[in-house]
């Protein structure tokens, strides 16, 4: 049987004391994935630390330990979601230098490691857009219903349409919860459900919709 190392990370609680994605949920996702793909988990490393910053590895000894053990056994490190590694595309790029393969359960086992750069960049851009929408919404509330500052009406309409489209897919995505983004994309295509632009689904587009529903 193939061997692998599991890694789960919990972001530090925010000002209201609410943490991010639970460690237990991450571990369960990794275990299900390992069983389905024929991996034996040698050890599970967990830690509570921010994923921000290109130098985050210096503050995450458990991730460093997971990578060291993975390198010793020539095994991959499995994480539940890409942002459990980091929220910084430069950090993801830095991990590749260590030549330790990473597998993200939501993307599937057959994703080329260097494709993680692409997905990380897309996720980073989506987070910036979410942050901008939040900022604009707060500005609108503060202005008492005035136009969203600096955004053109067409841009606002496009963002609202994308949000509405994502909400319309919530039920089917909930039904498919637990599958990797790649498998969800395949299922949506099989059901004849088009993307917002009328095209085919891919793992990246699934992840973007999932991120939009979290915002």
N, C-alpha and C. Protein backbone atom coordinates (compact mmCIF):
# COMPACT_ATOMS: atom_id res chain seq x y z
N UNK A 1 0.84 -1.20 0.00
CA UNK A 1 0.00 0.00 0.00
C UNK A 1 0.87 1.25 0.00
N UNK A 2 0.45 2.28 -0.70
CA UNK A 2 1.17 3.54 -0.73
C UNK A 2 1.08 4.23 0.63
N UNK A 3 2.12 4.94 0.99
CA UNK A 3 2.12 5.66 2.27
C UNK A 3 2.02 7.16 2.03
N UNK A 4 1.52 7.85 3.04
CA UNK A 4 1.36 9.31 2.95
C UNK A 4 1.36 9.90 4.35
N UNK A 5 1.58 11.20 4.42
CA UNK A 5 1.55 11.95 5.67
C UNK A 5 0.36 12.91 5.62
N UNK A 6 -0.39 13.00 6.70
CA UNK A 6 -1.54 13.91 6.75
C UNK A 6 -1.15 15.19 7.48
N UNK A 7 -1.65 16.31 6.96
CA UNK A 7 -1.40 17.60 7.62
C UNK A 7 -2.68 18.42 7.65
N UNK A 8 -3.00 18.95 8.82
CA UNK A 8 -4.19 19.79 8.97
C UNK A 8 -3.79 21.05 9.74
N UNK A 9 -4.36 22.16 9.33
CA UNK A 9 -4.03 23.43 9.99
C UNK A 9 -5.30 24.20 10.31
N UNK A 10 -5.30 24.79 11.47
CA UNK A 10 -6.40 25.65 11.89
C UNK A 10 -5.86 27.07 12.01
N UNK A 11 -6.52 28.01 11.35
CA UNK A 11 -6.11 29.40 11.47
C UNK A 11 -6.36 29.88 12.89
N UNK A 12 -5.60 30.88 13.29
CA UNK A 12 -5.83 31.43 14.62
C UNK A 12 -7.24 32.01 14.70
N UNK A 13 -7.92 31.89 15.87
CA UNK A 13 -9.27 32.48 15.99
C UNK A 13 -9.24 33.96 15.69
N UNK A 14 -10.36 34.43 15.10
CA UNK A 14 -10.43 35.86 14.81
C UNK A 14 -10.81 36.63 16.07
N UNK A 15 -11.11 37.90 15.92
CA UNK A 15 -11.37 38.73 17.09
C UNK A 15 -12.59 38.27 17.87
N UNK A 16 -13.48 37.55 17.20
CA UNK A 16 -14.66 37.03 17.88
C UNK A 16 -14.43 35.64 18.43
N UNK A 17 -13.21 35.15 18.30
CA UNK A 17 -12.89 33.84 18.83
C UNK A 17 -13.33 32.69 17.96
N UNK A 18 -13.65 32.97 16.71
CA UNK A 18 -14.13 31.91 15.82
C UNK A 18 -13.01 31.42 14.92
N UNK A 19 -12.63 30.14 15.01
CA UNK A 19 -11.56 29.62 14.17
C UNK A 19 -12.07 29.35 12.77
N UNK A 20 -11.17 28.92 11.90
CA UNK A 20 -11.56 28.59 10.53
C UNK A 20 -12.07 27.17 10.42
N UNK A 21 -11.72 26.50 9.32
CA UNK A 21 -12.18 25.14 9.09
C UNK A 21 -11.64 24.23 10.18
N UNK A 22 -12.52 23.41 10.79
CA UNK A 22 -12.14 22.58 11.92
C UNK A 22 -11.10 21.52 11.59
N UNK A 23 -10.23 21.26 12.56
CA UNK A 23 -9.20 20.23 12.38
C UNK A 23 -9.84 18.86 12.17
N UNK A 24 -10.87 18.57 12.94
CA UNK A 24 -11.53 17.27 12.83
C UNK A 24 -12.11 17.05 11.43
N UNK A 25 -12.74 18.08 10.88
CA UNK A 25 -13.32 17.96 9.54
C UNK A 25 -12.23 17.72 8.51
N UNK A 26 -11.10 18.41 8.66
CA UNK A 26 -9.98 18.22 7.73
C UNK A 26 -9.44 16.80 7.81
N UNK A 27 -9.27 16.31 9.04
CA UNK A 27 -8.74 14.97 9.23
C UNK A 27 -9.67 13.91 8.65
N UNK A 28 -10.98 14.11 8.83
CA UNK A 28 -11.95 13.15 8.28
C UNK A 28 -11.89 13.15 6.76
N UNK A 29 -11.75 14.33 6.15
CA UNK A 29 -11.66 14.42 4.69
C UNK A 29 -10.40 13.71 4.19
N UNK A 30 -9.30 13.88 4.91
CA UNK A 30 -8.05 13.23 4.51
C UNK A 30 -8.15 11.71 4.64
N UNK A 31 -8.76 11.26 5.73
CA UNK A 31 -8.92 9.81 5.95
C UNK A 31 -9.78 9.19 4.85
N UNK A 32 -10.90 9.84 4.51
CA UNK A 32 -11.77 9.33 3.45
C UNK A 32 -11.02 9.26 2.13
N UNK A 33 -10.27 10.31 1.85
CA UNK A 33 -9.51 10.36 0.61
C UNK A 33 -8.46 9.26 0.58
N UNK A 34 -7.73 9.08 1.68
CA UNK A 34 -6.67 8.07 1.75
C UNK A 34 -7.24 6.67 1.54
N UNK A 35 -8.38 6.40 2.14
CA UNK A 35 -9.02 5.09 1.99
C UNK A 35 -9.45 4.86 0.54
N UNK A 36 -10.00 5.89 -0.07
CA UNK A 36 -10.49 5.77 -1.45
C UNK A 36 -9.34 5.61 -2.44
N UNK A 37 -8.20 6.24 -2.17
CA UNK A 37 -7.08 6.23 -3.11
C UNK A 37 -6.01 5.20 -2.76
N UNK A 38 -6.23 4.44 -1.67
CA UNK A 38 -5.30 3.38 -1.31
C UNK A 38 -4.03 3.85 -0.62
N UNK A 39 -4.13 4.90 0.20
CA UNK A 39 -2.97 5.39 0.95
C UNK A 39 -3.05 4.97 2.40
N UNK A 40 -1.91 4.62 2.96
CA UNK A 40 -1.81 4.37 4.39
C UNK A 40 -1.18 5.60 5.04
N UNK A 41 -1.89 6.21 5.98
CA UNK A 41 -1.39 7.41 6.64
C UNK A 41 -0.42 7.03 7.75
N UNK A 42 0.85 7.42 7.61
CA UNK A 42 1.87 7.08 8.59
C UNK A 42 1.74 7.92 9.85
N UNK A 43 1.39 9.18 9.67
CA UNK A 43 1.27 10.09 10.81
C UNK A 43 0.47 11.32 10.40
N UNK A 44 -0.20 11.91 11.38
CA UNK A 44 -0.97 13.13 11.14
C UNK A 44 -0.38 14.28 11.95
N UNK A 45 -0.07 15.37 11.28
CA UNK A 45 0.47 16.55 11.94
C UNK A 45 -0.60 17.64 11.92
N UNK A 46 -0.79 18.30 13.04
CA UNK A 46 -1.77 19.39 13.12
C UNK A 46 -1.15 20.58 13.85
N UNK A 47 -1.62 21.77 13.51
CA UNK A 47 -1.17 22.95 14.23
C UNK A 47 -2.17 24.09 14.04
N UNK A 48 -2.09 25.05 14.94
CA UNK A 48 -2.94 26.23 14.89
C UNK A 48 -2.03 27.42 14.62
N UNK A 49 -2.09 27.91 13.42
CA UNK A 49 -1.21 28.99 13.01
C UNK A 49 -1.74 29.62 11.73
N UNK A 50 -1.45 30.89 11.53
CA UNK A 50 -1.88 31.58 10.32
C UNK A 50 -1.15 31.03 9.11
N UNK A 51 -1.81 31.12 7.95
CA UNK A 51 -1.19 30.68 6.72
C UNK A 51 -0.73 31.85 5.88
N UNK A 52 -0.80 33.05 6.44
CA UNK A 52 -0.45 34.25 5.68
C UNK A 52 1.05 34.49 5.69
N UNK A 53 1.54 35.07 4.61
CA UNK A 53 2.94 35.45 4.53
C UNK A 53 3.79 34.41 3.83
N UNK A 54 4.74 34.89 3.02
CA UNK A 54 5.59 33.96 2.28
C UNK A 54 6.56 33.22 3.19
N UNK A 55 6.78 33.71 4.42
CA UNK A 55 7.71 33.07 5.34
C UNK A 55 6.99 32.26 6.41
N UNK A 56 5.75 31.87 6.12
CA UNK A 56 4.92 31.19 7.12
C UNK A 56 5.53 29.88 7.60
N UNK A 57 6.36 29.23 6.77
CA UNK A 57 6.93 27.95 7.15
C UNK A 57 7.79 28.09 8.41
N UNK A 58 8.41 29.23 8.61
CA UNK A 58 9.24 29.46 9.79
C UNK A 58 8.41 29.42 11.06
N UNK A 59 7.13 29.72 10.95
CA UNK A 59 6.24 29.74 12.12
C UNK A 59 5.36 28.50 12.19
N UNK A 60 5.64 27.51 11.37
CA UNK A 60 4.80 26.30 11.33
C UNK A 60 5.67 25.05 11.43
N UNK A 61 6.14 24.75 12.64
CA UNK A 61 7.03 23.59 12.85
C UNK A 61 6.38 22.26 12.49
N UNK A 62 5.06 22.15 12.64
CA UNK A 62 4.40 20.88 12.33
C UNK A 62 4.40 20.61 10.82
N UNK A 63 4.22 21.64 10.03
CA UNK A 63 4.30 21.46 8.58
C UNK A 63 5.72 21.08 8.19
N UNK A 64 6.71 21.73 8.81
CA UNK A 64 8.11 21.39 8.52
C UNK A 64 8.39 19.94 8.89
N UNK A 65 7.84 19.48 10.03
CA UNK A 65 8.05 18.10 10.47
C UNK A 65 7.36 17.12 9.52
N UNK A 66 6.16 17.49 9.06
CA UNK A 66 5.43 16.63 8.12
C UNK A 66 6.22 16.46 6.83
N UNK A 67 6.79 17.55 6.34
CA UNK A 67 7.57 17.51 5.11
C UNK A 67 8.85 16.68 5.30
N UNK A 68 9.48 16.79 6.47
CA UNK A 68 10.70 16.03 6.76
C UNK A 68 10.40 14.53 6.76
N UNK A 69 9.30 14.13 7.41
CA UNK A 69 8.93 12.72 7.46
C UNK A 69 8.53 12.22 6.08
N UNK A 70 7.82 13.05 5.33
CA UNK A 70 7.41 12.67 3.97
C UNK A 70 8.63 12.44 3.09
N UNK A 71 9.62 13.30 3.23
CA UNK A 71 10.83 13.17 2.44
C UNK A 71 11.58 11.88 2.80
N UNK A 72 11.60 11.55 4.09
CA UNK A 72 12.27 10.34 4.56
C UNK A 72 11.64 9.10 3.96
N UNK A 73 10.31 9.08 3.89
CA UNK A 73 9.59 7.90 3.39
C UNK A 73 9.24 8.01 1.90
N UNK A 74 9.68 9.12 1.27
CA UNK A 74 9.36 9.35 -0.13
C UNK A 74 7.85 9.26 -0.35
N UNK A 75 7.14 9.95 0.53
CA UNK A 75 5.67 9.91 0.52
C UNK A 75 5.12 11.33 0.35
N UNK A 76 3.91 11.46 -0.14
CA UNK A 76 3.30 12.79 -0.27
C UNK A 76 2.69 13.27 1.05
N UNK A 77 2.49 14.57 1.14
CA UNK A 77 1.75 15.15 2.26
C UNK A 77 0.35 15.46 1.75
N UNK A 78 -0.66 14.97 2.47
CA UNK A 78 -2.05 15.15 2.04
C UNK A 78 -2.71 16.20 2.93
N UNK A 79 -3.36 17.18 2.29
CA UNK A 79 -4.13 18.20 3.01
C UNK A 79 -5.55 18.21 2.45
N UNK A 80 -6.49 18.69 3.26
CA UNK A 80 -7.89 18.70 2.83
C UNK A 80 -8.17 19.77 1.79
N UNK A 81 -7.61 20.96 2.01
CA UNK A 81 -7.85 22.08 1.10
C UNK A 81 -6.53 22.81 0.87
N UNK A 82 -6.42 23.45 -0.27
CA UNK A 82 -5.18 24.13 -0.62
C UNK A 82 -4.85 25.24 0.38
N UNK A 83 -5.87 25.95 0.88
CA UNK A 83 -5.58 27.05 1.80
C UNK A 83 -5.13 26.56 3.17
N UNK A 84 -5.20 25.25 3.41
CA UNK A 84 -4.65 24.71 4.66
C UNK A 84 -3.13 24.67 4.59
N UNK A 85 -2.58 24.68 3.37
CA UNK A 85 -1.14 24.84 3.21
C UNK A 85 -0.78 26.30 3.40
N UNK A 86 -1.45 27.17 2.65
CA UNK A 86 -1.19 28.60 2.75
C UNK A 86 -2.22 29.36 1.94
N UNK A 87 -2.29 30.66 2.22
CA UNK A 87 -3.14 31.57 1.46
C UNK A 87 -2.29 32.48 0.58
N UNK A 88 -1.04 32.10 0.41
CA UNK A 88 -0.09 32.92 -0.33
C UNK A 88 0.52 32.10 -1.46
N UNK A 89 0.35 32.56 -2.69
CA UNK A 89 0.85 31.82 -3.83
C UNK A 89 2.37 31.71 -3.82
N UNK A 90 3.06 32.72 -3.27
CA UNK A 90 4.52 32.67 -3.19
C UNK A 90 4.97 31.60 -2.20
N UNK A 91 4.19 31.41 -1.15
CA UNK A 91 4.51 30.37 -0.18
C UNK A 91 4.37 29.00 -0.82
N UNK A 92 3.30 28.80 -1.58
CA UNK A 92 3.10 27.54 -2.29
C UNK A 92 4.27 27.27 -3.23
N UNK A 93 4.71 28.30 -3.93
CA UNK A 93 5.85 28.15 -4.83
C UNK A 93 7.10 27.73 -4.07
N UNK A 94 7.28 28.32 -2.87
CA UNK A 94 8.44 27.98 -2.06
C UNK A 94 8.44 26.54 -1.61
N UNK A 95 7.25 25.98 -1.38
CA UNK A 95 7.17 24.59 -0.95
C UNK A 95 7.68 23.64 -2.03
N UNK A 96 7.49 24.01 -3.28
CA UNK A 96 7.90 23.15 -4.38
C UNK A 96 9.41 22.93 -4.41
N UNK A 97 10.16 23.89 -3.85
CA UNK A 97 11.63 23.78 -3.84
C UNK A 97 12.08 22.59 -3.00
N UNK A 98 11.29 22.23 -1.99
CA UNK A 98 11.65 21.13 -1.11
C UNK A 98 11.44 19.76 -1.75
N UNK A 99 10.82 19.73 -2.90
CA UNK A 99 10.60 18.49 -3.65
C UNK A 99 9.82 17.44 -2.85
N UNK A 100 8.90 17.92 -2.05
CA UNK A 100 7.96 17.02 -1.35
C UNK A 100 6.62 17.16 -2.04
N UNK A 101 6.07 16.06 -2.57
CA UNK A 101 4.78 16.16 -3.26
C UNK A 101 3.63 16.43 -2.29
N UNK A 102 2.72 17.28 -2.71
CA UNK A 102 1.53 17.57 -1.92
C UNK A 102 0.30 17.14 -2.70
N UNK A 103 -0.65 16.57 -1.99
CA UNK A 103 -1.93 16.18 -2.58
C UNK A 103 -3.04 16.91 -1.84
N UNK A 104 -3.89 17.58 -2.58
CA UNK A 104 -5.03 18.30 -2.00
C UNK A 104 -6.28 17.50 -2.31
N UNK A 105 -6.99 17.06 -1.28
CA UNK A 105 -8.12 16.15 -1.49
C UNK A 105 -9.19 16.74 -2.39
N UNK A 106 -9.43 18.05 -2.29
CA UNK A 106 -10.49 18.66 -3.08
C UNK A 106 -10.12 18.78 -4.56
N UNK A 107 -8.84 18.61 -4.87
CA UNK A 107 -8.40 18.67 -6.26
C UNK A 107 -8.21 17.29 -6.87
N UNK A 108 -7.97 16.30 -6.04
CA UNK A 108 -7.79 14.94 -6.55
C UNK A 108 -6.32 14.53 -6.56
N UNK A 109 -6.10 13.22 -6.69
CA UNK A 109 -4.74 12.67 -6.57
C UNK A 109 -3.90 12.87 -7.82
N UNK A 110 -4.53 13.08 -8.96
CA UNK A 110 -3.77 13.12 -10.21
C UNK A 110 -3.43 14.53 -10.69
N UNK A 111 -3.56 15.53 -9.81
CA UNK A 111 -3.21 16.89 -10.18
C UNK A 111 -1.71 17.07 -10.08
N UNK A 112 -1.11 17.55 -11.16
CA UNK A 112 0.33 17.79 -11.17
C UNK A 112 0.68 18.78 -10.05
N UNK A 113 1.72 18.49 -9.25
CA UNK A 113 2.09 19.37 -8.13
C UNK A 113 2.25 20.83 -8.53
N UNK A 114 2.79 21.08 -9.72
CA UNK A 114 3.02 22.45 -10.13
C UNK A 114 1.73 23.16 -10.53
N UNK A 115 0.64 22.40 -10.69
CA UNK A 115 -0.65 23.02 -10.95
C UNK A 115 -1.16 23.73 -9.70
N UNK A 116 -0.57 23.37 -8.54
CA UNK A 116 -0.97 24.04 -7.31
C UNK A 116 -0.70 25.54 -7.39
N UNK A 117 0.32 25.93 -8.16
CA UNK A 117 0.59 27.34 -8.35
C UNK A 117 -0.62 28.03 -8.99
N UNK A 118 -1.18 27.37 -10.00
CA UNK A 118 -2.32 27.94 -10.73
C UNK A 118 -3.52 28.09 -9.80
N UNK A 119 -3.83 27.01 -9.08
CA UNK A 119 -4.99 27.05 -8.20
C UNK A 119 -4.78 28.05 -7.06
N UNK A 120 -3.56 28.15 -6.56
CA UNK A 120 -3.27 29.10 -5.49
C UNK A 120 -3.45 30.52 -5.98
N UNK A 121 -3.01 30.79 -7.20
CA UNK A 121 -3.16 32.13 -7.78
C UNK A 121 -4.63 32.48 -7.96
N UNK A 122 -5.42 31.52 -8.42
CA UNK A 122 -6.85 31.76 -8.60
C UNK A 122 -7.53 32.01 -7.27
N UNK A 123 -7.16 31.22 -6.26
CA UNK A 123 -7.76 31.39 -4.94
C UNK A 123 -7.38 32.75 -4.35
N UNK A 124 -6.12 33.15 -4.56
CA UNK A 124 -5.66 34.43 -4.05
C UNK A 124 -6.43 35.58 -4.70
N UNK A 125 -6.66 35.48 -6.02
CA UNK A 125 -7.41 36.51 -6.72
C UNK A 125 -8.85 36.55 -6.24
N UNK A 126 -9.44 35.38 -6.02
CA UNK A 126 -10.82 35.33 -5.54
C UNK A 126 -10.95 35.97 -4.17
N UNK A 127 -9.95 35.74 -3.31
CA UNK A 127 -9.99 36.36 -1.98
C UNK A 127 -9.91 37.88 -2.07
N UNK A 128 -9.10 38.37 -3.00
CA UNK A 128 -9.02 39.82 -3.18
C UNK A 128 -10.36 40.40 -3.64
N UNK A 129 -11.03 39.66 -4.53
CA UNK A 129 -12.33 40.12 -5.01
C UNK A 129 -13.36 40.12 -3.89
N UNK A 130 -13.32 39.08 -3.06
CA UNK A 130 -14.24 38.99 -1.93
C UNK A 130 -14.00 40.14 -0.96
N UNK A 131 -12.71 40.41 -0.69
CA UNK A 131 -12.37 41.51 0.21
C UNK A 131 -12.85 42.84 -0.35
N UNK A 132 -12.73 43.01 -1.67
CA UNK A 132 -13.17 44.25 -2.30
C UNK A 132 -14.68 44.40 -2.21
N UNK A 133 -15.40 43.28 -2.44
CA UNK A 133 -16.87 43.34 -2.34
C UNK A 133 -17.30 43.70 -0.92
N UNK A 134 -16.61 43.13 0.06
CA UNK A 134 -16.93 43.43 1.45
C UNK A 134 -16.70 44.90 1.75
N UNK A 135 -15.57 45.40 1.28
CA UNK A 135 -15.23 46.81 1.49
C UNK A 135 -16.27 47.72 0.84
N UNK A 136 -16.69 47.37 -0.37
CA UNK A 136 -17.68 48.18 -1.08
C UNK A 136 -19.04 48.14 -0.38
N UNK A 137 -19.38 46.95 0.12
CA UNK A 137 -20.68 46.82 0.80
C UNK A 137 -20.70 47.66 2.07
N UNK A 138 -19.61 47.65 2.82
CA UNK A 138 -19.53 48.45 4.04
C UNK A 138 -19.59 49.94 3.72
N UNK A 139 -18.92 50.33 2.63
CA UNK A 139 -18.95 51.73 2.22
C UNK A 139 -20.35 52.15 1.84
N UNK A 140 -21.07 51.24 1.17
CA UNK A 140 -22.44 51.54 0.75
C UNK A 140 -23.36 51.71 1.97
N UNK A 141 -23.18 50.84 2.95
CA UNK A 141 -24.00 50.94 4.16
C UNK A 141 -23.70 52.25 4.89
N UNK A 142 -22.43 52.58 4.98
CA UNK A 142 -22.03 53.80 5.67
C UNK A 142 -22.57 55.04 4.96
N UNK A 143 -22.64 54.96 3.66
CA UNK A 143 -23.13 56.10 2.89
C UNK A 143 -24.65 56.18 2.88
N UNK A 144 -25.29 55.23 3.49
CA UNK A 144 -26.75 55.26 3.57
C UNK A 144 -27.45 55.00 2.26
N UNK A 145 -26.90 54.05 1.48
CA UNK A 145 -27.57 53.67 0.24
C UNK A 145 -27.02 54.33 -1.00
N UNK A 146 -25.92 55.06 -0.87
CA UNK A 146 -25.34 55.67 -2.06
C UNK A 146 -24.64 54.61 -2.90
N UNK A 147 -24.23 54.99 -4.13
CA UNK A 147 -23.57 54.07 -5.04
C UNK A 147 -22.30 53.52 -4.42
N UNK A 148 -22.01 52.25 -4.73
CA UNK A 148 -20.79 51.64 -4.23
C UNK A 148 -19.59 52.42 -4.77
N UNK A 149 -18.74 52.85 -3.83
CA UNK A 149 -17.63 53.72 -4.20
C UNK A 149 -16.69 53.14 -5.22
N UNK A 150 -16.51 53.85 -6.33
CA UNK A 150 -15.49 53.52 -7.31
C UNK A 150 -15.84 52.40 -8.28
N UNK A 151 -16.93 51.70 -8.07
CA UNK A 151 -17.28 50.59 -8.95
C UNK A 151 -18.29 51.02 -9.99
N UNK A 152 -18.08 50.60 -11.21
CA UNK A 152 -19.03 50.91 -12.27
C UNK A 152 -20.29 50.06 -12.11
N UNK A 153 -21.43 50.56 -12.52
CA UNK A 153 -22.68 49.80 -12.40
C UNK A 153 -22.58 48.43 -13.05
N UNK A 154 -21.90 48.35 -14.19
CA UNK A 154 -21.78 47.05 -14.87
C UNK A 154 -21.01 46.04 -14.05
N UNK A 155 -19.96 46.52 -13.36
CA UNK A 155 -19.16 45.64 -12.52
C UNK A 155 -19.98 45.13 -11.34
N UNK A 156 -20.72 46.04 -10.73
CA UNK A 156 -21.58 45.67 -9.61
C UNK A 156 -22.61 44.63 -10.05
N UNK A 157 -23.22 44.86 -11.22
CA UNK A 157 -24.23 43.93 -11.73
C UNK A 157 -23.62 42.56 -12.00
N UNK A 158 -22.39 42.55 -12.54
CA UNK A 158 -21.72 41.29 -12.85
C UNK A 158 -21.42 40.52 -11.57
N UNK A 159 -20.97 41.22 -10.53
CA UNK A 159 -20.67 40.55 -9.27
C UNK A 159 -21.95 40.01 -8.63
N UNK A 160 -23.03 40.79 -8.72
CA UNK A 160 -24.30 40.33 -8.14
C UNK A 160 -24.80 39.10 -8.90
N UNK A 161 -24.66 39.11 -10.22
CA UNK A 161 -25.10 37.97 -11.01
C UNK A 161 -24.29 36.72 -10.66
N UNK A 162 -22.99 36.90 -10.45
CA UNK A 162 -22.14 35.77 -10.08
C UNK A 162 -22.54 35.23 -8.71
N UNK A 163 -22.84 36.14 -7.78
CA UNK A 163 -23.28 35.71 -6.45
C UNK A 163 -24.61 34.96 -6.53
N UNK A 164 -25.54 35.48 -7.32
CA UNK A 164 -26.85 34.83 -7.47
C UNK A 164 -26.69 33.45 -8.11
N UNK A 165 -25.80 33.35 -9.10
CA UNK A 165 -25.56 32.07 -9.77
C UNK A 165 -25.00 31.06 -8.78
N UNK A 166 -24.06 31.52 -7.95
CA UNK A 166 -23.45 30.63 -6.96
C UNK A 166 -24.50 30.15 -5.95
N UNK A 167 -25.37 31.06 -5.51
CA UNK A 167 -26.41 30.68 -4.56
C UNK A 167 -27.37 29.66 -5.18
N UNK A 168 -27.60 29.79 -6.48
CA UNK A 168 -28.48 28.84 -7.17
C UNK A 168 -27.90 27.45 -7.23
N UNK A 169 -26.59 27.35 -7.10
CA UNK A 169 -25.91 26.05 -7.15
C UNK A 169 -25.65 25.48 -5.76
N UNK A 170 -26.05 26.22 -4.73
CA UNK A 170 -25.74 25.79 -3.37
C UNK A 170 -26.26 24.38 -3.07
N UNK A 171 -27.51 24.11 -3.46
CA UNK A 171 -28.12 22.82 -3.12
C UNK A 171 -27.38 21.66 -3.78
N UNK A 172 -27.04 21.80 -5.06
CA UNK A 172 -26.36 20.70 -5.74
C UNK A 172 -24.93 20.54 -5.22
N UNK A 173 -24.27 21.63 -4.86
CA UNK A 173 -22.92 21.53 -4.30
C UNK A 173 -22.96 20.91 -2.91
N UNK A 174 -24.02 21.20 -2.16
CA UNK A 174 -24.18 20.57 -0.86
C UNK A 174 -24.38 19.06 -1.02
N UNK A 175 -25.14 18.69 -2.05
CA UNK A 175 -25.38 17.27 -2.34
C UNK A 175 -24.07 16.55 -2.68
N UNK A 176 -23.18 17.26 -3.37
CA UNK A 176 -21.92 16.65 -3.81
C UNK A 176 -20.78 16.90 -2.84
N UNK A 177 -21.08 17.47 -1.68
CA UNK A 177 -20.05 17.78 -0.70
C UNK A 177 -19.30 16.50 -0.31
N UNK A 178 -18.01 16.60 -0.20
CA UNK A 178 -17.21 15.43 0.14
C UNK A 178 -16.41 14.92 -1.05
N UNK A 179 -16.89 15.25 -2.26
CA UNK A 179 -16.16 14.88 -3.47
C UNK A 179 -15.07 15.92 -3.75
N UNK A 180 -14.05 15.54 -4.48
CA UNK A 180 -13.02 16.49 -4.87
C UNK A 180 -13.61 17.47 -5.87
N UNK A 181 -12.97 18.62 -6.01
CA UNK A 181 -13.44 19.63 -6.96
C UNK A 181 -13.47 19.06 -8.37
N UNK A 182 -12.50 18.20 -8.70
CA UNK A 182 -12.45 17.60 -10.03
C UNK A 182 -13.65 16.70 -10.27
N UNK A 183 -14.02 15.91 -9.25
CA UNK A 183 -15.17 15.01 -9.40
C UNK A 183 -16.49 15.80 -9.42
N UNK A 184 -16.55 16.88 -8.65
CA UNK A 184 -17.75 17.71 -8.68
C UNK A 184 -17.93 18.31 -10.07
N UNK A 185 -16.83 18.78 -10.65
CA UNK A 185 -16.88 19.35 -12.00
C UNK A 185 -17.40 18.32 -13.00
N UNK A 186 -16.90 17.10 -12.89
CA UNK A 186 -17.32 16.03 -13.81
C UNK A 186 -18.81 15.73 -13.65
N UNK A 187 -19.29 15.75 -12.39
CA UNK A 187 -20.70 15.47 -12.13
C UNK A 187 -21.60 16.58 -12.66
N UNK A 188 -21.17 17.82 -12.48
CA UNK A 188 -21.96 18.96 -12.99
C UNK A 188 -22.04 18.91 -14.51
N UNK A 189 -20.92 18.55 -15.14
CA UNK A 189 -20.92 18.43 -16.61
C UNK A 189 -21.82 17.28 -17.05
N UNK A 190 -21.79 16.16 -16.30
CA UNK A 190 -22.62 15.01 -16.64
C UNK A 190 -24.10 15.33 -16.52
N UNK A 191 -24.44 16.22 -15.60
CA UNK A 191 -25.84 16.60 -15.40
C UNK A 191 -26.28 17.71 -16.35
N UNK A 192 -25.35 18.18 -17.16
CA UNK A 192 -25.69 19.22 -18.12
C UNK A 192 -25.88 20.58 -17.51
N UNK A 193 -25.26 20.82 -16.37
CA UNK A 193 -25.36 22.12 -15.71
C UNK A 193 -24.20 22.99 -16.20
N UNK A 194 -24.46 24.07 -16.89
CA UNK A 194 -23.39 24.91 -17.42
C UNK A 194 -22.83 25.86 -16.38
N UNK A 195 -21.66 26.40 -16.65
CA UNK A 195 -21.11 27.45 -15.80
C UNK A 195 -21.85 28.75 -16.09
N UNK A 196 -21.51 29.80 -15.35
CA UNK A 196 -22.16 31.09 -15.55
C UNK A 196 -21.98 31.60 -16.98
N UNK A 197 -20.87 31.23 -17.60
CA UNK A 197 -20.59 31.67 -18.97
C UNK A 197 -21.06 30.64 -20.00
N UNK A 198 -21.74 29.58 -19.53
CA UNK A 198 -22.27 28.58 -20.44
C UNK A 198 -21.27 27.53 -20.87
N UNK A 199 -20.12 27.48 -20.24
CA UNK A 199 -19.10 26.51 -20.61
C UNK A 199 -19.08 25.29 -19.71
N UNK A 200 -17.99 24.51 -19.84
CA UNK A 200 -17.84 23.29 -19.04
C UNK A 200 -17.18 23.62 -17.70
N UNK A 201 -17.43 22.75 -16.73
CA UNK A 201 -16.86 22.93 -15.40
C UNK A 201 -15.46 22.32 -15.33
N UNK A 202 -14.62 22.96 -14.54
CA UNK A 202 -13.30 22.44 -14.22
C UNK A 202 -13.12 22.59 -12.71
N UNK A 203 -12.09 21.94 -12.17
CA UNK A 203 -11.85 22.03 -10.72
C UNK A 203 -11.73 23.48 -10.27
N UNK A 204 -11.04 24.29 -11.05
CA UNK A 204 -10.82 25.69 -10.66
C UNK A 204 -12.14 26.47 -10.58
N UNK A 205 -13.06 26.23 -11.53
CA UNK A 205 -14.33 26.95 -11.51
C UNK A 205 -15.19 26.50 -10.34
N UNK A 206 -15.11 25.21 -10.00
CA UNK A 206 -15.85 24.72 -8.84
C UNK A 206 -15.35 25.40 -7.57
N UNK A 207 -14.03 25.48 -7.43
CA UNK A 207 -13.45 26.10 -6.24
C UNK A 207 -13.83 27.57 -6.15
N UNK A 208 -13.88 28.27 -7.28
CA UNK A 208 -14.26 29.68 -7.25
C UNK A 208 -15.68 29.86 -6.75
N UNK A 209 -16.60 28.99 -7.20
CA UNK A 209 -17.99 29.06 -6.75
C UNK A 209 -18.07 28.73 -5.27
N UNK A 210 -17.34 27.72 -4.83
CA UNK A 210 -17.34 27.36 -3.42
C UNK A 210 -16.83 28.51 -2.56
N UNK A 211 -15.78 29.19 -3.00
CA UNK A 211 -15.25 30.33 -2.27
C UNK A 211 -16.25 31.48 -2.23
N UNK A 212 -16.98 31.67 -3.34
CA UNK A 212 -17.98 32.74 -3.39
C UNK A 212 -19.11 32.47 -2.39
N UNK A 213 -19.49 31.21 -2.24
CA UNK A 213 -20.56 30.87 -1.30
C UNK A 213 -20.12 31.04 0.14
N UNK A 214 -18.81 31.02 0.39
CA UNK A 214 -18.30 31.20 1.74
C UNK A 214 -18.23 32.66 2.13
N UNK A 215 -18.25 33.54 1.12
CA UNK A 215 -18.06 34.97 1.41
C UNK A 215 -19.33 35.59 1.99
